Amino acid sequence: MPIYQYHCPKCNLKFELKQSFSDESMVACPKCQNCAQRLFSPVPVIFKGSGFYVTDNRKGGSETTDVEARIDKKKEDKSEPKEAPK
């Protein structure tokens, strides 16, 4: 069963309740019996590894994707020395 966080706007009490999905969402504050509001908080997402973008959808073999070809082309363009104007 999930644990939900609630906040009472009247007495400013924050508390947690373990509720089933089928339980009623309206909850009374344990301190003042006022109607409490459920708090929502963001869930952290952590990407680990050296390159989830390039390596996740790569096909097997020596085929290069359009994205990899563009990245290689940009690297080549930056590494070539530019000619001085005459």
Protein backbone atom coordinates (compact mmCIF):
# COMPACT_ATOMS: atom_id res chain seq x y z
CA MET A 1 0.00 0.00 0.00
CA PRO A 2 1.32 3.47 -0.87
CA ILE A 3 2.04 6.15 1.71
CA TYR A 4 0.50 9.57 1.02
CA GLN A 5 1.45 12.93 2.51
CA TYR A 6 -1.27 15.34 3.67
CA HIS A 7 -1.36 18.95 4.85
CA CYS A 8 -4.06 20.59 6.97
CA PRO A 9 -4.55 24.24 5.90
CA LYS A 10 -6.26 25.14 9.20
CA CYS A 11 -3.67 23.98 11.77
CA ASN A 12 -0.71 23.65 9.34
CA LEU A 13 -0.07 20.01 10.33
CA LYS A 14 1.71 17.72 7.87
CA PHE A 15 1.18 13.97 8.25
CA GLU A 16 1.43 10.70 6.33
CA LEU A 17 -1.15 7.96 5.84
CA LYS A 18 -0.82 4.47 4.40
CA GLN A 19 -3.87 4.00 2.18
CA SER A 20 -5.11 1.52 -0.37
CA PHE A 21 -5.97 2.69 -3.90
CA SER A 22 -9.62 1.93 -3.20
CA ASP A 23 -9.76 4.06 0.01
CA GLU A 24 -11.56 7.41 -0.01
CA SER A 25 -9.25 10.34 -0.76
CA MET A 26 -10.95 12.78 1.63
CA VAL A 27 -9.06 12.65 4.94
CA ALA A 28 -9.70 14.43 8.24
CA CYS A 29 -6.78 16.01 10.11
CA PRO A 30 -5.94 13.99 13.26
CA LYS A 31 -5.38 17.21 15.26
CA CYS A 32 -8.33 19.48 14.37
CA GLN A 33 -10.60 17.18 12.29
CA ASN A 34 -10.53 19.65 9.36
CA CYS A 35 -10.37 18.37 5.77
CA ALA A 36 -6.69 17.81 4.81
CA GLN A 37 -5.22 18.18 1.32
CA ARG A 38 -2.99 15.59 -0.33
CA LEU A 39 0.53 16.81 -1.14
CA PHE A 40 2.20 15.91 -4.41
CA SER A 41 5.98 15.94 -4.75
CA PRO A 42 8.20 15.29 -7.78
CA VAL A 43 9.96 11.97 -8.15
CA PRO A 44 13.71 12.25 -8.78
CA VAL A 45 15.07 10.72 -11.99
CA ILE A 46 18.77 9.92 -12.15
CA PHE A 47 20.44 8.93 -15.41
CA LYS A 48 23.59 6.91 -14.74
CA GLY A 49 26.21 5.94 -17.27
CA SER A 50 28.37 7.56 -19.87
CA GLY A 51 25.87 7.95 -22.70
CA PHE A 52 22.29 6.85 -22.53
CA TYR A 53 21.41 8.96 -25.61
CA VAL A 54 23.73 7.42 -28.19
CA THR A 55 23.96 3.87 -26.90
CA ASP A 56 20.34 3.08 -26.04
CA ASN A 57 18.94 2.75 -29.56
CA ARG A 58 22.04 1.63 -31.40
CA LYS A 59 21.62 -1.31 -33.77
CA GLY A 60 24.14 -4.14 -33.79
CA GLY A 61 26.91 -4.21 -36.38
CA SER A 62 28.95 -1.42 -37.89
CA GLU A 63 26.04 0.67 -39.16
CA THR A 64 26.08 4.30 -38.11
CA THR A 65 22.95 6.28 -37.46
CA ASP A 66 22.16 9.71 -38.86
CA VAL A 67 22.86 11.30 -35.47
CA GLU A 68 26.27 9.65 -35.19
CA ALA A 69 27.15 10.71 -38.75
CA ARG A 70 26.26 14.34 -37.99
CA ILE A 71 28.30 14.29 -34.77
CA ASP A 72 31.32 12.87 -36.61
CA LYS A 73 30.97 15.50 -39.36
CA LYS A 74 30.91 18.34 -36.79
CA LYS A 75 34.05 16.96 -35.12
CA GLU A 76 35.85 16.79 -38.48
CA ASP A 77 34.82 20.35 -39.36
CA LYS A 78 36.19 21.70 -36.07
CA SER A 79 39.49 19.83 -36.33
CA GLU A 80 40.38 21.00 -39.87
CA PRO A 81 42.59 24.11 -39.89
CA LYS A 82 41.07 27.12 -41.64
CA GLU A 83 43.00 28.74 -44.44
CA ALA A 84 44.14 32.31 -43.98
CA PRO A 85 42.68 34.87 -46.44
CA LYS A 86 45.10 36.04 -49.18
